[in-house]
Amino acid sequence: MPKNRYSIDLIKQMAECDANYIRLLRLMPVLAAHRQRDFASLGRDMPVQSEKALEGMRSVFTLADLATEPVTVEITVLEAFKYTTTLEIVQRPVLRKWMTNPSMLIRVYHDASTAEVVSYQGHKNLQVRYPQPNAKMYQPDEKGQVNQFLGEWLSHCLTVGQSAETVWVGDTTTPA
C-alpha cells in the first residue's frame, strides 16, 4: 500500500505567517511606525527615509524570573529596507543544562504584511516540504512547524511578557 504524500496547506501556512506579522507589530511598535512611515508617533526624531535608523533597535520582554536571573526574549532589528526587515529573536539567559535556547532570524515583508522564519537554531534555507527520510532528519513540514513555533513564542510574549520600556503608539502627547 503506497504512503500518502505530504501535501502543503498553503492557506494555513500563509495565515500563520500573516498572524506572526501582526504579533510582531504589537511587540515592536517601531515596525508599525516604519510601515506607516509615522515615526513621530513614537516620539522619535527620525527622518522620513530612515530604514537604516531602525537597525540595532531592540525590544526586550521578561517572561519569567529564575532564582539567578530573569528569562528574557530579545527582538533585534538586524536589517531594514523599505519593504523588508530582518529580525533576530533570542531567549536569554542561555540554559545549556536543560535545553538549547531558541533563536530565529525572521524576514518581515511589509508590502505583503507577512513574516516568516528564514533561520532557526542555525538551520537556514528551510524548504516547504522534505522527503522522508532525509539526511538532516527534518520533518516533512519542518518550515510550517518552525513558523507555528514562532507564532506560539510571540503569543507567549504578548500574553505574559513584560516590556522593559513603554512605547506610546498613536498618542503624540507625553503621558503625565
N, C-alpha and C. Protein backbone atom coordinates (compact mmCIF):
# COMPACT_ATOMS: atom_id res chain seq x y z
N MET A 1 0.84 -1.17 0.00
CA MET A 1 0.00 0.00 0.00
C MET A 1 0.89 1.25 0.00
N PRO A 2 0.76 2.15 -0.98
CA PRO A 2 1.61 3.33 -1.04
C PRO A 2 1.25 4.35 0.04
N LYS A 3 2.29 5.03 0.54
CA LYS A 3 2.07 6.08 1.53
C LYS A 3 1.47 7.31 0.86
N ASN A 4 0.63 8.01 1.61
CA ASN A 4 0.12 9.28 1.11
C ASN A 4 1.24 10.32 1.16
N ARG A 5 1.40 11.05 0.10
CA ARG A 5 2.43 12.07 0.04
C ARG A 5 1.96 13.29 0.83
N TYR A 6 2.88 13.90 1.57
CA TYR A 6 2.55 15.10 2.33
C TYR A 6 2.16 16.22 1.38
N SER A 7 1.02 16.83 1.62
CA SER A 7 0.60 17.96 0.80
C SER A 7 0.64 19.23 1.64
N ILE A 8 1.06 20.28 1.02
CA ILE A 8 1.25 21.56 1.70
C ILE A 8 -0.09 22.28 1.79
N ASP A 9 -0.42 22.74 2.98
CA ASP A 9 -1.61 23.56 3.17
C ASP A 9 -1.15 25.01 3.11
N LEU A 10 -1.07 25.55 1.90
CA LEU A 10 -0.53 26.89 1.68
C LEU A 10 -1.36 27.96 2.39
N ILE A 11 -2.65 27.80 2.41
CA ILE A 11 -3.51 28.79 3.07
C ILE A 11 -3.20 28.84 4.56
N LYS A 12 -3.04 27.68 5.19
CA LYS A 12 -2.73 27.62 6.62
C LYS A 12 -1.35 28.23 6.89
N GLN A 13 -0.36 27.91 6.05
CA GLN A 13 0.99 28.44 6.25
C GLN A 13 1.02 29.96 6.09
N MET A 14 0.33 30.48 5.09
CA MET A 14 0.30 31.93 4.88
C MET A 14 -0.46 32.62 6.01
N ALA A 15 -1.52 32.00 6.50
CA ALA A 15 -2.27 32.57 7.62
C ALA A 15 -1.39 32.66 8.86
N GLU A 16 -0.57 31.63 9.09
CA GLU A 16 0.34 31.64 10.24
C GLU A 16 1.37 32.76 10.10
N CYS A 17 1.93 32.92 8.91
CA CYS A 17 2.92 33.97 8.67
C CYS A 17 2.30 35.36 8.79
N ASP A 18 1.07 35.52 8.31
CA ASP A 18 0.37 36.80 8.44
C ASP A 18 0.07 37.11 9.90
N ALA A 19 -0.34 36.10 10.67
CA ALA A 19 -0.59 36.30 12.10
C ALA A 19 0.70 36.65 12.83
N ASN A 20 1.82 36.04 12.43
CA ASN A 20 3.11 36.37 13.04
C ASN A 20 3.48 37.82 12.76
N TYR A 21 3.15 38.31 11.59
CA TYR A 21 3.40 39.71 11.25
C TYR A 21 2.63 40.63 12.21
N ILE A 22 1.37 40.32 12.43
CA ILE A 22 0.55 41.14 13.33
C ILE A 22 1.10 41.08 14.75
N ARG A 23 1.51 39.89 15.19
CA ARG A 23 2.09 39.76 16.54
C ARG A 23 3.37 40.59 16.67
N LEU A 24 4.21 40.55 15.64
CA LEU A 24 5.45 41.33 15.68
C LEU A 24 5.17 42.83 15.72
N LEU A 25 4.16 43.30 14.99
CA LEU A 25 3.80 44.72 15.04
C LEU A 25 3.36 45.12 16.44
N ARG A 26 2.67 44.23 17.13
CA ARG A 26 2.24 44.52 18.51
C ARG A 26 3.42 44.53 19.48
N LEU A 27 4.38 43.65 19.25
CA LEU A 27 5.53 43.57 20.15
C LEU A 27 6.57 44.66 19.86
N MET A 28 6.66 45.09 18.62
CA MET A 28 7.62 46.13 18.23
C MET A 28 6.89 47.25 17.49
N PRO A 29 6.35 48.21 18.22
CA PRO A 29 5.62 49.31 17.58
C PRO A 29 6.44 50.07 16.55
N VAL A 30 7.76 50.02 16.65
CA VAL A 30 8.60 50.71 15.67
C VAL A 30 8.40 50.11 14.28
N LEU A 31 8.05 48.83 14.20
CA LEU A 31 7.78 48.21 12.89
C LEU A 31 6.48 48.76 12.29
N ALA A 32 5.48 48.95 13.14
CA ALA A 32 4.22 49.54 12.66
C ALA A 32 4.45 50.97 12.20
N ALA A 33 5.25 51.72 12.94
CA ALA A 33 5.56 53.10 12.55
C ALA A 33 6.35 53.12 11.25
N HIS A 34 7.26 52.16 11.09
CA HIS A 34 8.04 52.06 9.85
C HIS A 34 7.11 51.77 8.68
N ARG A 35 6.17 50.89 8.89
CA ARG A 35 5.23 50.54 7.82
C ARG A 35 4.39 51.75 7.41
N GLN A 36 3.96 52.53 8.40
CA GLN A 36 3.11 53.68 8.12
C GLN A 36 3.92 54.95 7.88
N ARG A 37 5.25 54.83 7.99
CA ARG A 37 6.15 55.99 7.80
C ARG A 37 5.81 57.08 8.80
N ASP A 38 5.45 56.69 10.04
CA ASP A 38 4.98 57.62 11.06
C ASP A 38 5.84 57.51 12.31
N PHE A 39 7.09 57.93 12.23
CA PHE A 39 7.99 57.83 13.36
C PHE A 39 7.67 58.86 14.44
N ALA A 40 6.94 59.91 14.08
CA ALA A 40 6.56 60.92 15.07
C ALA A 40 5.68 60.32 16.16
N SER A 41 4.89 59.29 15.81
CA SER A 41 4.01 58.66 16.79
C SER A 41 4.80 57.97 17.89
N LEU A 42 6.06 57.67 17.64
CA LEU A 42 6.91 57.04 18.65
C LEU A 42 7.65 58.07 19.49
N GLY A 43 7.51 59.33 19.12
CA GLY A 43 8.24 60.36 19.84
C GLY A 43 9.71 60.37 19.48
N ARG A 44 10.05 59.80 18.32
CA ARG A 44 11.45 59.74 17.88
C ARG A 44 11.65 60.73 16.75
N ASP A 45 12.71 61.46 16.81
CA ASP A 45 13.04 62.43 15.76
C ASP A 45 13.86 61.71 14.70
N MET A 46 13.16 61.12 13.72
CA MET A 46 13.82 60.35 12.68
C MET A 46 13.43 60.90 11.33
N PRO A 47 14.35 60.95 10.38
CA PRO A 47 13.98 61.40 9.04
C PRO A 47 13.03 60.41 8.37
N VAL A 48 12.31 60.89 7.36
CA VAL A 48 11.31 60.06 6.68
C VAL A 48 11.95 58.82 6.07
N GLN A 49 13.09 58.96 5.42
CA GLN A 49 13.77 57.82 4.79
C GLN A 49 14.75 57.22 5.80
N SER A 50 14.25 56.64 6.86
CA SER A 50 15.13 56.22 7.95
C SER A 50 15.14 54.71 8.18
N GLU A 51 15.07 53.93 7.11
CA GLU A 51 15.10 52.48 7.30
C GLU A 51 16.35 52.06 8.08
N LYS A 52 17.49 52.63 7.72
CA LYS A 52 18.74 52.24 8.37
C LYS A 52 18.77 52.66 9.84
N ALA A 53 17.99 53.68 10.21
CA ALA A 53 17.94 54.10 11.61
C ALA A 53 17.29 53.05 12.49
N LEU A 54 16.52 52.15 11.90
CA LEU A 54 15.89 51.07 12.66
C LEU A 54 16.88 49.99 13.08
N GLU A 55 17.94 49.83 12.30
CA GLU A 55 18.89 48.75 12.56
C GLU A 55 19.50 48.90 13.94
N GLY A 56 19.49 47.82 14.67
CA GLY A 56 20.02 47.81 16.02
C GLY A 56 18.97 48.06 17.09
N MET A 57 17.77 48.51 16.71
CA MET A 57 16.72 48.72 17.71
C MET A 57 16.32 47.37 18.30
N ARG A 58 15.97 47.41 19.56
CA ARG A 58 15.72 46.16 20.28
C ARG A 58 14.54 46.32 21.23
N SER A 59 13.75 45.27 21.33
CA SER A 59 12.70 45.17 22.34
C SER A 59 13.03 43.97 23.21
N VAL A 60 12.92 44.13 24.52
CA VAL A 60 13.23 43.06 25.46
C VAL A 60 11.99 42.81 26.32
N PHE A 61 11.62 41.54 26.44
CA PHE A 61 10.45 41.15 27.23
C PHE A 61 10.88 40.15 28.28
N THR A 62 10.50 40.40 29.53
CA THR A 62 10.76 39.47 30.62
C THR A 62 9.60 38.48 30.69
N LEU A 63 9.93 37.19 30.63
CA LEU A 63 8.90 36.15 30.64
C LEU A 63 8.75 35.50 32.01
N ALA A 64 9.85 35.30 32.70
CA ALA A 64 9.80 34.63 33.99
C ALA A 64 11.06 34.98 34.76
N ASP A 65 11.00 34.79 36.06
CA ASP A 65 12.18 35.02 36.89
C ASP A 65 12.69 33.69 37.41
N LEU A 66 13.96 33.42 37.10
CA LEU A 66 14.63 32.27 37.69
C LEU A 66 15.23 32.73 39.01
N ALA A 67 15.78 31.81 39.76
CA ALA A 67 16.42 32.18 41.02
C ALA A 67 17.61 33.11 40.79
N THR A 68 18.30 32.93 39.67
CA THR A 68 19.51 33.72 39.43
C THR A 68 19.27 34.96 38.58
N GLU A 69 18.47 34.85 37.53
CA GLU A 69 18.21 35.99 36.65
C GLU A 69 16.94 35.75 35.85
N PRO A 70 16.35 36.84 35.34
CA PRO A 70 15.10 36.69 34.58
C PRO A 70 15.32 36.06 33.21
N VAL A 71 14.30 35.37 32.73
CA VAL A 71 14.30 34.84 31.37
C VAL A 71 13.71 35.92 30.48
N THR A 72 14.46 36.32 29.46
CA THR A 72 14.01 37.39 28.58
C THR A 72 14.02 36.92 27.13
N VAL A 73 13.20 37.57 26.33
CA VAL A 73 13.21 37.39 24.88
C VAL A 73 13.60 38.73 24.28
N GLU A 74 14.63 38.72 23.43
CA GLU A 74 15.11 39.94 22.78
C GLU A 74 14.79 39.87 21.30
N ILE A 75 14.16 40.92 20.79
CA ILE A 75 13.88 41.05 19.36
C ILE A 75 14.70 42.23 18.87
N THR A 76 15.63 41.97 17.94
CA THR A 76 16.54 42.99 17.44
C THR A 76 16.38 43.15 15.94
N VAL A 77 16.37 44.40 15.47
CA VAL A 77 16.32 44.68 14.04
C VAL A 77 17.75 44.57 13.50
N LEU A 78 18.00 43.60 12.61
CA LEU A 78 19.33 43.43 12.02
C LEU A 78 19.48 44.23 10.74
N GLU A 79 18.47 44.18 9.87
CA GLU A 79 18.49 44.90 8.60
C GLU A 79 17.12 45.54 8.40
N ALA A 80 17.12 46.71 7.79
CA ALA A 80 15.85 47.36 7.48
C ALA A 80 15.93 48.01 6.11
N PHE A 81 14.96 47.69 5.29
CA PHE A 81 14.82 48.28 3.97
C PHE A 81 13.39 48.78 3.83
N LYS A 82 13.08 49.36 2.71
CA LYS A 82 11.76 49.95 2.53
C LYS A 82 10.64 48.92 2.69
N TYR A 83 10.79 47.75 2.10
CA TYR A 83 9.73 46.75 2.12
C TYR A 83 10.02 45.52 2.96
N THR A 84 11.25 45.35 3.42
CA THR A 84 11.59 44.18 4.23
C THR A 84 12.42 44.57 5.44
N THR A 85 12.30 43.79 6.49
CA THR A 85 13.09 43.97 7.70
C THR A 85 13.50 42.58 8.16
N THR A 86 14.74 42.44 8.62
CA THR A 86 15.20 41.17 9.17
C THR A 86 15.37 41.34 10.67
N LEU A 87 14.77 40.43 11.42
CA LEU A 87 14.82 40.47 12.88
C LEU A 87 15.53 39.23 13.41
N GLU A 88 16.15 39.39 14.57
CA GLU A 88 16.70 38.24 15.30
C GLU A 88 15.94 38.16 16.61
N ILE A 89 15.48 36.96 16.93
CA ILE A 89 14.78 36.74 18.19
C ILE A 89 15.55 35.68 18.96
N VAL A 90 15.96 36.03 20.18
CA VAL A 90 16.71 35.09 21.02
C VAL A 90 16.15 35.13 22.44
N GLN A 91 16.34 34.03 23.14
CA GLN A 91 15.95 33.94 24.54
C GLN A 91 17.20 33.90 25.39
N ARG A 92 17.19 34.61 26.49
CA ARG A 92 18.32 34.65 27.40
C ARG A 92 17.82 34.42 28.83
N PRO A 93 18.60 33.95 29.76
CA PRO A 93 19.98 33.52 29.64
C PRO A 93 20.06 32.16 28.96
N VAL A 94 21.25 31.80 28.57
CA VAL A 94 21.47 30.51 27.92
C VAL A 94 21.30 29.42 28.97
N LEU A 95 20.43 28.48 28.70
CA LEU A 95 20.13 27.39 29.64
C LEU A 95 20.72 26.09 29.12
N ARG A 96 22.01 26.01 29.05
CA ARG A 96 22.68 24.86 28.45
C ARG A 96 22.42 23.55 29.19
N LYS A 97 22.18 23.60 30.48
CA LYS A 97 21.98 22.36 31.23
C LYS A 97 20.73 21.62 30.80
N TRP A 98 19.66 22.35 30.51
CA TRP A 98 18.38 21.71 30.24
C TRP A 98 18.05 21.61 28.76
N MET A 99 18.36 22.65 28.02
CA MET A 99 17.94 22.70 26.62
C MET A 99 18.73 23.75 25.87
N THR A 100 18.53 23.80 24.58
CA THR A 100 19.11 24.85 23.76
C THR A 100 18.09 25.97 23.65
N ASN A 101 18.51 27.18 23.93
CA ASN A 101 17.59 28.31 23.81
C ASN A 101 17.20 28.54 22.37
N PRO A 102 15.94 28.86 22.14
CA PRO A 102 15.52 29.14 20.77
C PRO A 102 16.13 30.45 20.26
N SER A 103 16.50 30.43 18.98
CA SER A 103 16.96 31.64 18.30
C SER A 103 16.51 31.53 16.85
N MET A 104 16.03 32.66 16.32
CA MET A 104 15.50 32.67 14.96
C MET A 104 15.87 33.95 14.24
N LEU A 105 15.98 33.84 12.93
CA LEU A 105 16.02 35.02 12.07
C LEU A 105 14.68 35.06 11.35
N ILE A 106 14.06 36.22 11.37
CA ILE A 106 12.73 36.40 10.79
C ILE A 106 12.83 37.44 9.68
N ARG A 107 12.24 37.17 8.53
CA ARG A 107 12.14 38.16 7.46
C ARG A 107 10.72 38.69 7.47
N VAL A 108 10.60 40.00 7.64
CA VAL A 108 9.31 40.68 7.68
C VAL A 108 9.11 41.36 6.33
N TYR A 109 8.01 41.04 5.67
CA TYR A 109 7.68 41.64 4.38
C TYR A 109 6.54 42.63 4.60
N HIS A 110 6.87 43.93 4.66
CA HIS A 110 5.87 44.95 4.97
C HIS A 110 4.86 45.11 3.85
N ASP A 111 5.29 44.96 2.60
CA ASP A 111 4.36 45.13 1.48
C ASP A 111 3.34 44.00 1.41
N ALA A 112 3.71 42.82 1.86
CA ALA A 112 2.80 41.67 1.85
C ALA A 112 2.17 41.43 3.23
N SER A 113 2.57 42.20 4.23
CA SER A 113 2.07 42.06 5.61
C SER A 113 2.22 40.63 6.12
N THR A 114 3.43 40.11 5.99
CA THR A 114 3.70 38.74 6.43
C THR A 114 5.12 38.65 6.99
N ALA A 115 5.36 37.62 7.79
CA ALA A 115 6.68 37.40 8.39
C ALA A 115 6.94 35.90 8.42
N GLU A 116 8.14 35.49 8.01
CA GLU A 116 8.47 34.06 8.01
C GLU A 116 9.85 33.84 8.61
N VAL A 117 10.03 32.65 9.15
CA VAL A 117 11.32 32.25 9.71
C VAL A 117 12.25 31.90 8.55
N VAL A 118 13.44 32.52 8.53
CA VAL A 118 14.43 32.19 7.50
C VAL A 118 15.57 31.37 8.07
N SER A 119 15.71 31.36 9.39
CA SER A 119 16.74 30.55 10.04
C SER A 119 16.28 30.22 11.45
N TYR A 120 16.48 28.96 11.85
CA TYR A 120 16.11 28.52 13.19
C TYR A 120 17.25 27.69 13.75
N GLN A 121 17.81 28.12 14.88
CA GLN A 121 18.92 27.41 15.52
C GLN A 121 20.07 27.19 14.54
N GLY A 122 20.27 28.11 13.61
CA GLY A 122 21.35 27.99 12.64
C GLY A 122 20.99 27.20 11.39
N HIS A 123 19.82 26.61 11.35
CA HIS A 123 19.37 25.88 10.16
C HIS A 123 18.75 26.88 9.19
N LYS A 124 19.35 27.03 8.01
CA LYS A 124 18.91 28.04 7.05
C LYS A 124 18.25 27.38 5.84
N ASN A 125 17.62 28.22 5.04
CA ASN A 125 17.01 27.79 3.78
C ASN A 125 16.07 26.60 3.97
N LEU A 126 15.17 26.73 4.92
CA LEU A 126 14.21 25.65 5.16
C LEU A 126 13.28 25.52 3.97
N GLN A 127 13.06 24.29 3.56
CA GLN A 127 12.19 24.00 2.43
C GLN A 127 10.75 23.81 2.93
N VAL A 128 9.81 23.99 2.05
CA VAL A 128 8.40 23.82 2.41
C VAL A 128 8.08 22.35 2.66
N ARG A 129 8.76 21.45 1.92
CA ARG A 129 8.50 20.02 2.06
C ARG A 129 9.83 19.27 1.97
N TYR A 130 9.97 18.26 2.82
CA TYR A 130 11.16 17.41 2.80
C TYR A 130 10.76 15.97 2.54
N PRO A 131 11.57 15.27 1.72
CA PRO A 131 11.31 13.84 1.52
C PRO A 131 11.66 13.09 2.80
N GLN A 132 11.05 11.93 2.96
CA GLN A 132 11.34 11.11 4.13
C GLN A 132 11.94 9.79 3.68
N PRO A 133 13.01 9.35 4.25
CA PRO A 133 13.88 10.05 5.20
C PRO A 133 14.78 11.05 4.49
N ASN A 134 15.41 11.95 5.27
CA ASN A 134 16.37 12.89 4.70
C ASN A 134 17.57 12.98 5.63
N ALA A 135 18.69 13.44 5.09
CA ALA A 135 19.97 13.44 5.82
C ALA A 135 19.93 14.30 7.08
N LYS A 136 19.19 15.40 7.07
CA LYS A 136 19.16 16.29 8.23
C LYS A 136 18.06 15.93 9.23
N MET A 137 17.30 14.88 8.90
CA MET A 137 16.23 14.38 9.77
C MET A 137 15.14 15.42 10.02
N TYR A 138 14.86 16.26 9.03
CA TYR A 138 13.77 17.22 9.14
C TYR A 138 12.44 16.50 8.98
N GLN A 139 11.41 17.06 9.58
CA GLN A 139 10.05 16.58 9.39
C GLN A 139 9.58 16.98 8.00
N PRO A 140 8.58 16.31 7.45
CA PRO A 140 8.11 16.68 6.11
C PRO A 140 7.67 18.15 6.03
N ASP A 141 7.08 18.66 7.13
CA ASP A 141 6.58 20.03 7.17
C ASP A 141 7.40 20.91 8.11
N GLU A 142 8.71 20.76 8.08
CA GLU A 142 9.61 21.46 9.01
C GLU A 142 9.39 22.97 9.01
N LYS A 143 9.31 23.57 7.84
CA LYS A 143 9.14 25.02 7.76
C LYS A 143 7.82 25.46 8.39
N GLY A 144 6.77 24.74 8.14
CA GLY A 144 5.48 25.06 8.75
C GLY A 144 5.52 24.95 10.26
N GLN A 145 6.21 23.92 10.77
CA GLN A 145 6.32 23.75 12.22
C GLN A 145 7.12 24.87 12.86
N VAL A 146 8.18 25.32 12.19
CA VAL A 146 9.01 26.40 12.73
C VAL A 146 8.22 27.71 12.76
N ASN A 147 7.46 27.99 11.70
CA ASN A 147 6.64 29.20 11.69
C ASN A 147 5.52 29.12 12.74
N GLN A 148 4.99 27.93 12.96
CA GLN A 148 3.98 27.75 14.00
C GLN A 148 4.60 27.97 15.38
N PHE A 149 5.82 27.47 15.59
CA PHE A 149 6.50 27.68 16.87
C PHE A 149 6.74 29.17 17.09
N LEU A 150 7.14 29.89 16.04
CA LEU A 150 7.32 31.34 16.17
C LEU A 150 6.02 31.99 16.64
N GLY A 151 4.90 31.58 16.06
CA GLY A 151 3.61 32.13 16.47
C GLY A 151 3.31 31.86 17.94
N GLU A 152 3.61 30.65 18.40
CA GLU A 152 3.37 30.31 19.80
C GLU A 152 4.29 31.12 20.72
N TRP A 153 5.53 31.30 20.30
CA TRP A 153 6.51 32.05 21.08
C TRP A 153 6.10 33.52 21.18
N LEU A 154 5.71 34.12 20.07
CA LEU A 154 5.27 35.52 20.07
C LEU A 154 3.99 35.69 20.88
N SER A 155 3.07 34.73 20.78
CA SER A 155 1.83 34.79 21.56
C SER A 155 2.14 34.72 23.05
N HIS A 156 3.11 33.90 23.42
CA HIS A 156 3.52 33.80 24.81
C HIS A 156 4.09 35.14 25.29
N CYS A 157 4.89 35.78 24.45
CA CYS A 157 5.44 37.11 24.80
C CYS A 157 4.31 38.12 24.99
N LEU A 158 3.30 38.08 24.13
CA LEU A 158 2.18 39.01 24.24
C LEU A 158 1.34 38.74 25.48
N THR A 159 1.23 37.47 25.87
CA THR A 159 0.39 37.09 26.99
C THR A 159 1.05 37.36 28.34
N VAL A 160 2.28 36.91 28.51
CA VAL A 160 2.92 37.00 29.83
C VAL A 160 4.15 37.90 29.86
N GLY A 161 4.60 38.36 28.71
CA GLY A 161 5.81 39.18 28.67
C GLY A 161 5.59 40.57 29.23
N GLN A 162 6.62 41.08 29.88
CA GLN A 162 6.61 42.44 30.40
C GLN A 162 7.74 43.19 29.73
N SER A 163 7.38 44.27 29.04
CA SER A 163 8.38 45.06 28.33
C SER A 163 9.14 45.93 29.33
N ALA A 164 10.42 46.10 29.07
CA ALA A 164 11.26 46.92 29.94
C ALA A 164 10.96 48.41 29.77
N GLU A 165 10.43 48.80 28.62
CA GLU A 165 10.11 50.21 28.39
C GLU A 165 8.73 50.33 27.79
N THR A 166 8.09 51.45 28.04
CA THR A 166 6.78 51.72 27.48
C THR A 166 6.95 52.54 26.22
N VAL A 167 6.31 52.11 25.15
CA VAL A 167 6.34 52.85 23.90
C VAL A 167 4.93 53.35 23.65
N TRP A 168 4.79 54.64 23.49
CA TRP A 168 3.48 55.25 23.28
C TRP A 168 3.21 55.33 21.79
N VAL A 169 2.28 54.52 21.30
CA VAL A 169 1.95 54.48 19.88
C VAL A 169 0.57 55.06 19.67
N GLY A 170 0.45 55.92 18.66
CA GLY A 170 -0.84 56.51 18.34
C GLY A 170 -1.19 57.70 19.19
N ASP A 171 -0.40 58.02 20.18
CA ASP A 171 -0.65 59.16 21.04
C ASP A 171 0.61 60.01 21.04
N THR A 172 0.54 61.18 20.43
CA THR A 172 1.73 62.02 20.32
C THR A 172 1.95 62.89 21.54
N THR A 173 1.01 62.85 22.48
CA THR A 173 1.20 63.63 23.70
C THR A 173 2.01 62.81 24.69
N THR A 174 2.71 63.50 25.55
CA THR A 174 3.51 62.82 26.56
C THR A 174 2.62 62.46 27.73
N PRO A 175 2.68 61.22 28.22
CA PRO A 175 1.83 60.83 29.34
C PRO A 175 2.23 61.57 30.60
N ALA A 176 1.25 61.82 31.46
CA ALA A 176 1.51 62.57 32.70
C ALA A 176 2.11 61.67 33.74
